[in-house]
Amino acid sequence: MPAIFSSLVIGLGQIIKGDSDKGLKWMLLFYFFLPAVIYVSLLINANLFIFIFALIVIVYPLFWLYNIYDAYTRNPKERIS
């Protein structure tokens, strides 16, 4: 069930499993930090914006899939240091 919620909203699966710190970090990364990086790169230089945007378009789905996998498999008591 947490994997289904993580496929809808990134980090929600971790929050449902009880790992709210990790879920909140995922949400902040995906919904605030990465769009802010794209916006700042647009303000700096158009070529930098194209590079950053292309990089994020490639990396974004990979992180999303990892987030779904993490919500499906990890136990919140297992912490990786």
C-alpha atoms as a PDB file:
ATOM      1  CA  MET A   1       0.000   0.000   0.000  1.00  0.00           C
ATOM      2  CA  PRO A   2       2.768   2.557   0.721  1.00  0.00           C
ATOM      3  CA  ALA A   3       4.156   2.007  -2.788  1.00  0.00           C
ATOM      4  CA  ILE A   4       0.816   2.999  -4.287  1.00  0.00           C
ATOM      5  CA  PHE A   5       0.780   6.207  -2.266  1.00  0.00           C
ATOM      6  CA  SER A   6       4.399   6.909  -3.222  1.00  0.00           C
ATOM      7  CA  SER A   7       3.521   6.526  -6.870  1.00  0.00           C
ATOM      8  CA  LEU A   8       0.900   9.240  -6.461  1.00  0.00           C
ATOM      9  CA  VAL A   9       2.805  11.662  -4.214  1.00  0.00           C
ATOM     10  CA  ILE A  10       6.512  11.312  -3.664  1.00  0.00           C
ATOM     11  CA  GLY A  11       7.331  10.674  -0.015  1.00  0.00           C
ATOM     12  CA  LEU A  12       3.781   9.843   1.036  1.00  0.00           C
ATOM     13  CA  GLY A  13       4.554   6.123   1.220  1.00  0.00           C
ATOM     14  CA  GLN A  14       7.400   6.727   3.639  1.00  0.00           C
ATOM     15  CA  ILE A  15       5.184   8.925   5.800  1.00  0.00           C
ATOM     16  CA  ILE A  16       2.474   6.244   5.895  1.00  0.00           C
ATOM     17  CA  LYS A  17       5.064   3.606   6.884  1.00  0.00           C
ATOM     18  CA  GLY A  18       6.152   5.775   9.800  1.00  0.00           C
ATOM     19  CA  ASP A  19       9.367   7.183   8.357  1.00  0.00           C
ATOM     20  CA  SER A  20       8.120  10.755   8.239  1.00  0.00           C
ATOM     21  CA  ASP A  21      11.577  12.378   8.212  1.00  0.00           C
ATOM     22  CA  LYS A  22      12.546  10.592   5.030  1.00  0.00           C
ATOM     23  CA  GLY A  23       9.155  11.218   3.428  1.00  0.00           C
ATOM     24  CA  LEU A  24       9.316  14.925   4.156  1.00  0.00           C
ATOM     25  CA  LYS A  25      12.849  15.113   2.745  1.00  0.00           C
ATOM     26  CA  TRP A  26      11.674  13.448  -0.478  1.00  0.00           C
ATOM     27  CA  MET A  27       8.751  15.851  -0.748  1.00  0.00           C
ATOM     28  CA  LEU A  28      10.928  18.909  -0.204  1.00  0.00           C
ATOM     29  CA  LEU A  29      13.480  17.675  -2.717  1.00  0.00           C
ATOM     30  CA  PHE A  30      10.979  16.960  -5.463  1.00  0.00           C
ATOM     31  CA  TYR A  31       8.430  19.713  -5.018  1.00  0.00           C
ATOM     32  CA  PHE A  32      10.573  22.646  -3.862  1.00  0.00           C
ATOM     33  CA  PHE A  33      14.314  22.174  -4.303  1.00  0.00           C
ATOM     34  CA  LEU A  34      14.482  20.806  -7.870  1.00  0.00           C
ATOM     35  CA  PRO A  35      11.998  23.346  -9.295  1.00  0.00           C
ATOM     36  CA  ALA A  36      13.959  26.104  -7.533  1.00  0.00           C
ATOM     37  CA  VAL A  37      17.187  24.854  -9.149  1.00  0.00           C
ATOM     38  CA  ILE A  38      15.505  24.925 -12.550  1.00  0.00           C
ATOM     39  CA  TYR A  39      14.207  28.449 -11.963  1.00  0.00           C
ATOM     40  CA  VAL A  40      17.577  29.791 -10.769  1.00  0.00           C
ATOM     41  CA  SER A  41      19.366  28.205 -13.723  1.00  0.00           C
ATOM     42  CA  LEU A  42      16.902  29.949 -16.035  1.00  0.00           C
ATOM     43  CA  LEU A  43      17.691  33.277 -14.406  1.00  0.00           C
ATOM     44  CA  ILE A  44      21.450  32.726 -14.731  1.00  0.00           C
ATOM     45  CA  ASN A  45      21.843  31.504 -18.293  1.00  0.00           C
ATOM     46  CA  ALA A  46      19.677  29.913 -21.003  1.00  0.00           C
ATOM     47  CA  ASN A  47      22.279  27.267 -21.849  1.00  0.00           C
ATOM     48  CA  LEU A  48      22.633  26.330 -18.193  1.00  0.00           C
ATOM     49  CA  PHE A  49      18.843  26.063 -17.978  1.00  0.00           C
ATOM     50  CA  ILE A  50      18.712  23.654 -20.920  1.00  0.00           C
ATOM     51  CA  PHE A  51      21.457  21.496 -19.410  1.00  0.00           C
ATOM     52  CA  ILE A  52      19.933  21.435 -15.907  1.00  0.00           C
ATOM     53  CA  PHE A  53      16.436  20.847 -17.251  1.00  0.00           C
ATOM     54  CA  ALA A  54      17.596  17.931 -19.421  1.00  0.00           C
ATOM     55  CA  LEU A  55      19.508  16.439 -16.505  1.00  0.00           C
ATOM     56  CA  ILE A  56      16.514  16.676 -14.189  1.00  0.00           C
ATOM     57  CA  VAL A  57      14.168  15.232 -16.823  1.00  0.00           C
ATOM     58  CA  ILE A  58      16.425  12.167 -16.956  1.00  0.00           C
ATOM     59  CA  VAL A  59      17.058  11.859 -13.204  1.00  0.00           C
ATOM     60  CA  TYR A  60      13.557  12.737 -11.936  1.00  0.00           C
ATOM     61  CA  PRO A  61      11.835   9.484 -13.024  1.00  0.00           C
ATOM     62  CA  LEU A  62      14.725   7.404 -11.693  1.00  0.00           C
ATOM     63  CA  PHE A  63      14.409   8.993  -8.258  1.00  0.00           C
ATOM     64  CA  TRP A  64      10.638   8.562  -8.381  1.00  0.00           C
ATOM     65  CA  LEU A  65      10.991   4.848  -9.154  1.00  0.00           C
ATOM     66  CA  TYR A  66      13.549   4.483  -6.363  1.00  0.00           C
ATOM     67  CA  ASN A  67      11.152   6.209  -3.988  1.00  0.00           C
ATOM     68  CA  ILE A  68       8.382   3.740  -4.888  1.00  0.00           C
ATOM     69  CA  TYR A  69      10.785   0.814  -4.451  1.00  0.00           C
ATOM     70  CA  ASP A  70      11.955   2.201  -1.108  1.00  0.00           C
ATOM     71  CA  ALA A  71       8.383   2.600   0.139  1.00  0.00           C
ATOM     72  CA  TYR A  72       7.597  -0.954  -0.929  1.00  0.00           C
ATOM     73  CA  THR A  73      10.633  -2.722   0.544  1.00  0.00           C
ATOM     74  CA  ARG A  74      12.212  -0.773   3.412  1.00  0.00           C
ATOM     75  CA  ASN A  75      11.265  -1.110   6.980  1.00  0.00           C
ATOM     76  CA  PRO A  76      11.340   2.326   8.707  1.00  0.00           C
ATOM     77  CA  LYS A  77      13.392   0.866  11.551  1.00  0.00           C
ATOM     78  CA  GLU A  78      16.212   0.030   9.112  1.00  0.00           C
ATOM     79  CA  ARG A  79      18.363   3.121   8.937  1.00  0.00           C
ATOM     80  CA  ILE A  80      21.251   3.464   6.520  1.00  0.00           C
ATOM     81  CA  SER A  81      23.951   5.659   8.000  1.00  0.00           C
END
